[in-house]
Amino acid sequence: MELLEMIGEFIAELFSEIAVWFFVFSSWMWFAVSGVSWTLFGLFFHGDLMFYICIGFTVWWFITLCIPRETKERLW
């Protein structure tokens, strides 16, 4: 019986961790943090090409952030 309780607790903890990581990585906050950090990474470590790729990613993020939800659902 004790083994079944341990397995049940393990499965519950595993699903709760998966849920937390899903919400962290799917939020707009994640896109904001990653956009800024990629831009800084490209600027300081990889020269011009990577910098422009990261700027493009950040601009894309700002554009998608400004599009209303209703328009997004009709576009894609």
PDB file of N, CA and C in Angstrom:
ATOM      1  N   MET A   1       0.821  -1.203   0.000  1.00  0.00           N
ATOM      2  CA  MET A   1       0.000   0.000   0.000  1.00  0.00           C
ATOM      3  C   MET A   1       0.868   1.271   0.000  1.00  0.00           C
ATOM      4  N   GLU A   2       1.959   1.207   0.725  1.00  0.00           N
ATOM      5  CA  GLU A   2       2.840   2.366   0.800  1.00  0.00           C
ATOM      6  C   GLU A   2       3.473   2.664  -0.561  1.00  0.00           C
ATOM      7  N   LEU A   3       3.770   1.621  -1.308  1.00  0.00           N
ATOM      8  CA  LEU A   3       4.343   1.795  -2.639  1.00  0.00           C
ATOM      9  C   LEU A   3       3.354   2.489  -3.573  1.00  0.00           C
ATOM     10  N   LEU A   4       2.081   2.124  -3.490  1.00  0.00           N
ATOM     11  CA  LEU A   4       1.061   2.769  -4.323  1.00  0.00           C
ATOM     12  C   LEU A   4       0.913   4.247  -3.982  1.00  0.00           C
ATOM     13  N   GLU A   5       1.002   4.583  -2.700  1.00  0.00           N
ATOM     14  CA  GLU A   5       0.920   5.990  -2.303  1.00  0.00           C
ATOM     15  C   GLU A   5       2.117   6.778  -2.830  1.00  0.00           C
ATOM     16  N   MET A   6       3.296   6.178  -2.766  1.00  0.00           N
ATOM     17  CA  MET A   6       4.486   6.853  -3.288  1.00  0.00           C
ATOM     18  C   MET A   6       4.384   7.062  -4.793  1.00  0.00           C
ATOM     19  N   ILE A   7       3.891   6.070  -5.503  1.00  0.00           N
ATOM     20  CA  ILE A   7       3.727   6.200  -6.954  1.00  0.00           C
ATOM     21  C   ILE A   7       2.698   7.276  -7.271  1.00  0.00           C
ATOM     22  N   GLY A   8       1.596   7.304  -6.513  1.00  0.00           N
ATOM     23  CA  GLY A   8       0.567   8.325  -6.721  1.00  0.00           C
ATOM     24  C   GLY A   8       1.093   9.729  -6.469  1.00  0.00           C
ATOM     25  N   GLU A   9       1.870   9.894  -5.398  1.00  0.00           N
ATOM     26  CA  GLU A   9       2.455  11.206  -5.110  1.00  0.00           C
ATOM     27  C   GLU A   9       3.457  11.620  -6.186  1.00  0.00           C
ATOM     28  N   PHE A  10       4.231  10.675  -6.660  1.00  0.00           N
ATOM     29  CA  PHE A  10       5.196  10.969  -7.716  1.00  0.00           C
ATOM     30  C   PHE A  10       4.492  11.430  -8.984  1.00  0.00           C
ATOM     31  N   ILE A  11       3.428  10.741  -9.371  1.00  0.00           N
ATOM     32  CA  ILE A  11       2.690  11.107 -10.590  1.00  0.00           C
ATOM     33  C   ILE A  11       2.037  12.475 -10.432  1.00  0.00           C
ATOM     34  N   ALA A  12       1.456  12.747  -9.248  1.00  0.00           N
ATOM     35  CA  ALA A  12       0.835  14.053  -9.016  1.00  0.00           C
ATOM     36  C   ALA A  12       1.874  15.168  -9.076  1.00  0.00           C
ATOM     37  N   GLU A  13       3.043  14.938  -8.467  1.00  0.00           N
ATOM     38  CA  GLU A  13       4.099  15.948  -8.500  1.00  0.00           C
ATOM     39  C   GLU A  13       4.624  16.158  -9.915  1.00  0.00           C
ATOM     40  N   LEU A  14       4.765  15.088 -10.654  1.00  0.00           N
ATOM     41  CA  LEU A  14       5.235  15.185 -12.033  1.00  0.00           C
ATOM     42  C   LEU A  14       4.280  16.013 -12.889  1.00  0.00           C
ATOM     43  N   PHE A  15       2.979  15.743 -12.783  1.00  0.00           N
ATOM     44  CA  PHE A  15       2.000  16.500 -13.562  1.00  0.00           C
ATOM     45  C   PHE A  15       1.953  17.964 -13.142  1.00  0.00           C
ATOM     46  N   SER A  16       2.112  18.240 -11.852  1.00  0.00           N
ATOM     47  CA  SER A  16       2.097  19.642 -11.421  1.00  0.00           C
ATOM     48  C   SER A  16       3.321  20.386 -11.951  1.00  0.00           C
ATOM     49  N   GLU A  17       4.480  19.733 -11.972  1.00  0.00           N
ATOM     50  CA  GLU A  17       5.668  20.382 -12.531  1.00  0.00           C
ATOM     51  C   GLU A  17       5.528  20.614 -14.027  1.00  0.00           C
ATOM     52  N   ILE A  18       4.963  19.657 -14.723  1.00  0.00           N
ATOM     53  CA  ILE A  18       4.736  19.829 -16.162  1.00  0.00           C
ATOM     54  C   ILE A  18       3.799  21.002 -16.411  1.00  0.00           C
ATOM     55  N   ALA A  19       2.749  21.127 -15.599  1.00  0.00           N
ATOM     56  CA  ALA A  19       1.800  22.235 -15.767  1.00  0.00           C
ATOM     57  C   ALA A  19       2.479  23.579 -15.532  1.00  0.00           C
ATOM     58  N   VAL A  20       3.303  23.662 -14.504  1.00  0.00           N
ATOM     59  CA  VAL A  20       3.998  24.922 -14.218  1.00  0.00           C
ATOM     60  C   VAL A  20       4.920  25.295 -15.369  1.00  0.00           C
ATOM     61  N   TRP A  21       5.721  24.349 -15.861  1.00  0.00           N
ATOM     62  CA  TRP A  21       6.620  24.646 -16.974  1.00  0.00           C
ATOM     63  C   TRP A  21       5.852  25.023 -18.233  1.00  0.00           C
ATOM     64  N   PHE A  22       4.704  24.380 -18.468  1.00  0.00           N
ATOM     65  CA  PHE A  22       3.890  24.724 -19.639  1.00  0.00           C
ATOM     66  C   PHE A  22       3.436  26.175 -19.570  1.00  0.00           C
ATOM     67  N   PHE A  23       2.940  26.609 -18.408  1.00  0.00           N
ATOM     68  CA  PHE A  23       2.461  27.981 -18.287  1.00  0.00           C
ATOM     69  C   PHE A  23       3.600  28.989 -18.341  1.00  0.00           C
ATOM     70  N   VAL A  24       4.755  28.637 -17.811  1.00  0.00           N
ATOM     71  CA  VAL A  24       5.902  29.548 -17.881  1.00  0.00           C
ATOM     72  C   VAL A  24       6.336  29.751 -19.323  1.00  0.00           C
ATOM     73  N   PHE A  25       6.460  28.653 -20.075  1.00  0.00           N
ATOM     74  CA  PHE A  25       6.985  28.756 -21.433  1.00  0.00           C
ATOM     75  C   PHE A  25       5.954  29.225 -22.446  1.00  0.00           C
ATOM     76  N   SER A  26       4.663  29.201 -22.112  1.00  0.00           N
ATOM     77  CA  SER A  26       3.665  29.625 -23.080  1.00  0.00           C
ATOM     78  C   SER A  26       3.170  31.046 -22.822  1.00  0.00           C
ATOM     79  N   SER A  27       3.696  31.718 -21.837  1.00  0.00           N
ATOM     80  CA  SER A  27       3.194  33.049 -21.510  1.00  0.00           C
ATOM     81  C   SER A  27       3.901  34.126 -22.331  1.00  0.00           C
ATOM     82  N   TRP A  28       3.279  35.291 -22.412  1.00  0.00           N
ATOM     83  CA  TRP A  28       3.888  36.433 -23.102  1.00  0.00           C
ATOM     84  C   TRP A  28       5.143  36.893 -22.386  1.00  0.00           C
ATOM     85  N   MET A  29       5.162  36.687 -21.069  1.00  0.00           N
ATOM     86  CA  MET A  29       6.335  37.096 -20.305  1.00  0.00           C
ATOM     87  C   MET A  29       7.574  36.349 -20.795  1.00  0.00           C
ATOM     88  N   TRP A  30       7.415  35.072 -21.119  1.00  0.00           N
ATOM     89  CA  TRP A  30       8.539  34.290 -21.629  1.00  0.00           C
ATOM     90  C   TRP A  30       9.049  34.877 -22.934  1.00  0.00           C
ATOM     91  N   PHE A  31       8.133  35.299 -23.822  1.00  0.00           N
ATOM     92  CA  PHE A  31       8.556  35.890 -25.087  1.00  0.00           C
ATOM     93  C   PHE A  31       9.275  37.214 -24.859  1.00  0.00           C
ATOM     94  N   ALA A  32       8.813  37.982 -23.883  1.00  0.00           N
ATOM     95  CA  ALA A  32       9.473  39.256 -23.592  1.00  0.00           C
ATOM     96  C   ALA A  32      10.889  39.030 -23.087  1.00  0.00           C
ATOM     97  N   VAL A  33      11.040  38.141 -22.143  1.00  0.00           N
ATOM     98  CA  VAL A  33      12.361  37.869 -21.577  1.00  0.00           C
ATOM     99  C   VAL A  33      13.284  37.291 -22.635  1.00  0.00           C
ATOM    100  N   SER A  34      12.784  36.343 -23.411  1.00  0.00           N
ATOM    101  CA  SER A  34      13.652  35.723 -24.410  1.00  0.00           C
ATOM    102  C   SER A  34      14.003  36.690 -25.533  1.00  0.00           C
ATOM    103  N   GLY A  35      13.079  37.566 -25.923  1.00  0.00           N
ATOM    104  CA  GLY A  35      13.386  38.538 -26.968  1.00  0.00           C
ATOM    105  C   GLY A  35      14.501  39.483 -26.562  1.00  0.00           C
ATOM    106  N   VAL A  36      14.419  40.016 -25.356  1.00  0.00           N
ATOM    107  CA  VAL A  36      15.448  40.938 -24.883  1.00  0.00           C
ATOM    108  C   VAL A  36      16.771  40.205 -24.675  1.00  0.00           C
ATOM    109  N   SER A  37      16.714  39.015 -24.097  1.00  0.00           N
ATOM    110  CA  SER A  37      17.966  38.309 -23.838  1.00  0.00           C
ATOM    111  C   SER A  37      18.637  37.861 -25.130  1.00  0.00           C
ATOM    112  N   TRP A  38      17.845  37.440 -26.131  1.00  0.00           N
ATOM    113  CA  TRP A  38      18.440  37.066 -27.417  1.00  0.00           C
ATOM    114  C   TRP A  38      19.081  38.272 -28.088  1.00  0.00           C
ATOM    115  N   THR A  39      18.454  39.423 -27.981  1.00  0.00           N
ATOM    116  CA  THR A  39      19.028  40.629 -28.577  1.00  0.00           C
ATOM    117  C   THR A  39      20.366  40.969 -27.924  1.00  0.00           C
ATOM    118  N   LEU A  40      20.416  40.922 -26.602  1.00  0.00           N
ATOM    119  CA  LEU A  40      21.672  41.204 -25.907  1.00  0.00           C
ATOM    120  C   LEU A  40      22.731  40.155 -26.230  1.00  0.00           C
ATOM    121  N   PHE A  41      22.323  38.904 -26.303  1.00  0.00           N
ATOM    122  CA  PHE A  41      23.252  37.823 -26.646  1.00  0.00           C
ATOM    123  C   PHE A  41      23.839  38.033 -28.037  1.00  0.00           C
ATOM    124  N   GLY A  42      22.972  38.367 -28.992  1.00  0.00           N
ATOM    125  CA  GLY A  42      23.451  38.604 -30.348  1.00  0.00           C
ATOM    126  C   GLY A  42      24.358  39.815 -30.437  1.00  0.00           C
ATOM    127  N   LEU A  43      24.049  40.846 -29.680  1.00  0.00           N
ATOM    128  CA  LEU A  43      24.844  42.067 -29.714  1.00  0.00           C
ATOM    129  C   LEU A  43      26.246  41.848 -29.143  1.00  0.00           C
ATOM    130  N   PHE A  44      26.320  41.181 -28.006  1.00  0.00           N
ATOM    131  CA  PHE A  44      27.598  41.093 -27.303  1.00  0.00           C
ATOM    132  C   PHE A  44      28.465  39.905 -27.702  1.00  0.00           C
ATOM    133  N   PHE A  45      27.885  38.849 -28.270  1.00  0.00           N
ATOM    134  CA  PHE A  45      28.679  37.642 -28.481  1.00  0.00           C
ATOM    135  C   PHE A  45      28.823  37.200 -29.929  1.00  0.00           C
ATOM    136  N   HIS A  46      27.940  37.612 -30.812  1.00  0.00           N
ATOM    137  CA  HIS A  46      27.984  37.016 -32.146  1.00  0.00           C
ATOM    138  C   HIS A  46      28.021  38.019 -33.291  1.00  0.00           C
ATOM    139  N   GLY A  47      28.316  39.243 -33.039  1.00  0.00           N
ATOM    140  CA  GLY A  47      28.492  40.192 -34.128  1.00  0.00           C
ATOM    141  C   GLY A  47      27.205  40.584 -34.823  1.00  0.00           C
ATOM    142  N   ASP A  48      27.362  41.100 -36.042  1.00  0.00           N
ATOM    143  CA  ASP A  48      26.256  41.742 -36.739  1.00  0.00           C
ATOM    144  C   ASP A  48      25.143  40.800 -37.172  1.00  0.00           C
ATOM    145  N   LEU A  49      25.468  39.665 -37.772  1.00  0.00           N
ATOM    146  CA  LEU A  49      24.432  38.794 -38.321  1.00  0.00           C
ATOM    147  C   LEU A  49      23.478  38.309 -37.236  1.00  0.00           C
ATOM    148  N   MET A  50      24.022  37.788 -36.150  1.00  0.00           N
ATOM    149  CA  MET A  50      23.177  37.296 -35.067  1.00  0.00           C
ATOM    150  C   MET A  50      22.392  38.437 -34.441  1.00  0.00           C
ATOM    151  N   PHE A  51      22.996  39.614 -34.364  1.00  0.00           N
ATOM    152  CA  PHE A  51      22.300  40.767 -33.803  1.00  0.00           C
ATOM    153  C   PHE A  51      21.062  41.100 -34.625  1.00  0.00           C
ATOM    154  N   TYR A  52      21.184  41.104 -35.957  1.00  0.00           N
ATOM    155  CA  TYR A  52      20.035  41.426 -36.796  1.00  0.00           C
ATOM    156  C   TYR A  52      18.968  40.334 -36.752  1.00  0.00           C
ATOM    157  N   ILE A  53      19.392  39.082 -36.628  1.00  0.00           N
ATOM    158  CA  ILE A  53      18.411  38.004 -36.468  1.00  0.00           C
ATOM    159  C   ILE A  53      17.635  38.195 -35.169  1.00  0.00           C
ATOM    160  N   CYS A  54      18.329  38.531 -34.100  1.00  0.00           N
ATOM    161  CA  CYS A  54      17.667  38.735 -32.811  1.00  0.00           C
ATOM    162  C   CYS A  54      16.776  39.971 -32.821  1.00  0.00           C
ATOM    163  N   ILE A  55      17.205  41.026 -33.506  1.00  0.00           N
ATOM    164  CA  ILE A  55      16.352  42.212 -33.649  1.00  0.00           C
ATOM    165  C   ILE A  55      15.077  41.847 -34.400  1.00  0.00           C
ATOM    166  N   GLY A  56      15.211  41.044 -35.451  1.00  0.00           N
ATOM    167  CA  GLY A  56      14.031  40.602 -36.193  1.00  0.00           C
ATOM    168  C   GLY A  56      13.075  39.818 -35.324  1.00  0.00           C
ATOM    169  N   PHE A  57      13.601  38.936 -34.485  1.00  0.00           N
ATOM    170  CA  PHE A  57      12.758  38.167 -33.572  1.00  0.00           C
ATOM    171  C   PHE A  57      12.032  39.082 -32.599  1.00  0.00           C
ATOM    172  N   THR A  58      12.746  40.076 -32.065  1.00  0.00           N
ATOM    173  CA  THR A  58      12.134  40.990 -31.110  1.00  0.00           C
ATOM    174  C   THR A  58      11.060  41.845 -31.776  1.00  0.00           C
ATOM    175  N   VAL A  59      11.315  42.319 -32.987  1.00  0.00           N
ATOM    176  CA  VAL A  59      10.306  43.097 -33.718  1.00  0.00           C
ATOM    177  C   VAL A  59       9.084  42.234 -33.994  1.00  0.00           C
ATOM    178  N   TRP A  60       9.312  40.982 -34.394  1.00  0.00           N
ATOM    179  CA  TRP A  60       8.186  40.066 -34.615  1.00  0.00           C
ATOM    180  C   TRP A  60       7.374  39.903 -33.341  1.00  0.00           C
ATOM    181  N   TRP A  61       8.041  39.794 -32.197  1.00  0.00           N
ATOM    182  CA  TRP A  61       7.326  39.637 -30.935  1.00  0.00           C
ATOM    183  C   TRP A  61       6.491  40.879 -30.628  1.00  0.00           C
ATOM    184  N   PHE A  62       7.054  42.077 -30.833  1.00  0.00           N
ATOM    185  CA  PHE A  62       6.294  43.302 -30.575  1.00  0.00           C
ATOM    186  C   PHE A  62       5.088  43.414 -31.504  1.00  0.00           C
ATOM    187  N   ILE A  63       5.243  43.030 -32.767  1.00  0.00           N
ATOM    188  CA  ILE A  63       4.120  43.083 -33.705  1.00  0.00           C
ATOM    189  C   ILE A  63       3.013  42.137 -33.260  1.00  0.00           C
ATOM    190  N   THR A  64       3.375  40.908 -32.899  1.00  0.00           N
ATOM    191  CA  THR A  64       2.341  39.963 -32.469  1.00  0.00           C
ATOM    192  C   THR A  64       1.723  40.377 -31.147  1.00  0.00           C
ATOM    193  N   LEU A  65       2.462  41.070 -30.307  1.00  0.00           N
ATOM    194  CA  LEU A  65       1.913  41.545 -29.043  1.00  0.00           C
ATOM    195  C   LEU A  65       0.870  42.630 -29.281  1.00  0.00           C
ATOM    196  N   CYS A  66       1.073  43.458 -30.310  1.00  0.00           N
ATOM    197  CA  CYS A  66       0.168  44.573 -30.572  1.00  0.00           C
ATOM    198  C   CYS A  66      -1.081  44.169 -31.347  1.00  0.00           C
ATOM    199  N   ILE A  67      -1.085  42.995 -31.983  1.00  0.00           N
ATOM    200  CA  ILE A  67      -2.264  42.559 -32.729  1.00  0.00           C
ATOM    201  C   ILE A  67      -3.313  42.070 -31.737  1.00  0.00           C
ATOM    202  N   PRO A  68      -4.547  42.555 -31.823  1.00  0.00           N
ATOM    203  CA  PRO A  68      -5.580  42.105 -30.890  1.00  0.00           C
ATOM    204  C   PRO A  68      -5.847  40.610 -31.038  1.00  0.00           C
ATOM    205  N   ARG A  69      -6.340  40.003 -29.971  1.00  0.00           N
ATOM    206  CA  ARG A  69      -6.598  38.563 -29.954  1.00  0.00           C
ATOM    207  C   ARG A  69      -7.595  38.158 -31.034  1.00  0.00           C
ATOM    208  N   GLU A  70      -8.621  38.961 -31.273  1.00  0.00           N
ATOM    209  CA  GLU A  70      -9.631  38.611 -32.274  1.00  0.00           C
ATOM    210  C   GLU A  70      -9.003  38.523 -33.665  1.00  0.00           C
ATOM    211  N   THR A  71      -8.095  39.447 -33.969  1.00  0.00           N
ATOM    212  CA  THR A  71      -7.436  39.431 -35.270  1.00  0.00           C
ATOM    213  C   THR A  71      -6.527  38.218 -35.389  1.00  0.00           C
ATOM    214  N   LYS A  72      -5.836  37.877 -34.312  1.00  0.00           N
ATOM    215  CA  LYS A  72      -4.945  36.721 -34.341  1.00  0.00           C
ATOM    216  C   LYS A  72      -5.715  35.446 -34.648  1.00  0.00           C
ATOM    217  N   GLU A  73      -6.895  35.299 -34.052  1.00  0.00           N
ATOM    218  CA  GLU A  73      -7.668  34.077 -34.266  1.00  0.00           C
ATOM    219  C   GLU A  73      -8.130  33.965 -35.709  1.00  0.00           C
ATOM    220  N   ARG A  74      -8.358  35.085 -36.378  1.00  0.00           N
ATOM    221  CA  ARG A  74      -8.771  35.028 -37.783  1.00  0.00           C
ATOM    222  C   ARG A  74      -7.583  34.834 -38.712  1.00  0.00           C
ATOM    223  N   LEU A  75      -6.393  35.308 -38.314  1.00  0.00           N
ATOM    224  CA  LEU A  75      -5.235  35.218 -39.197  1.00  0.00           C
ATOM    225  C   LEU A  75      -4.609  33.834 -39.198  1.00  0.00           C
ATOM    226  N   TRP A  76      -4.442  33.250 -38.019  1.00  0.00           N
ATOM    227  CA  TRP A  76      -3.813  31.928 -37.988  1.00  0.00           C
ATOM    228  C   TRP A  76      -4.396  31.057 -36.925  1.00  0.00           C
TER     229      TRP A  76
END
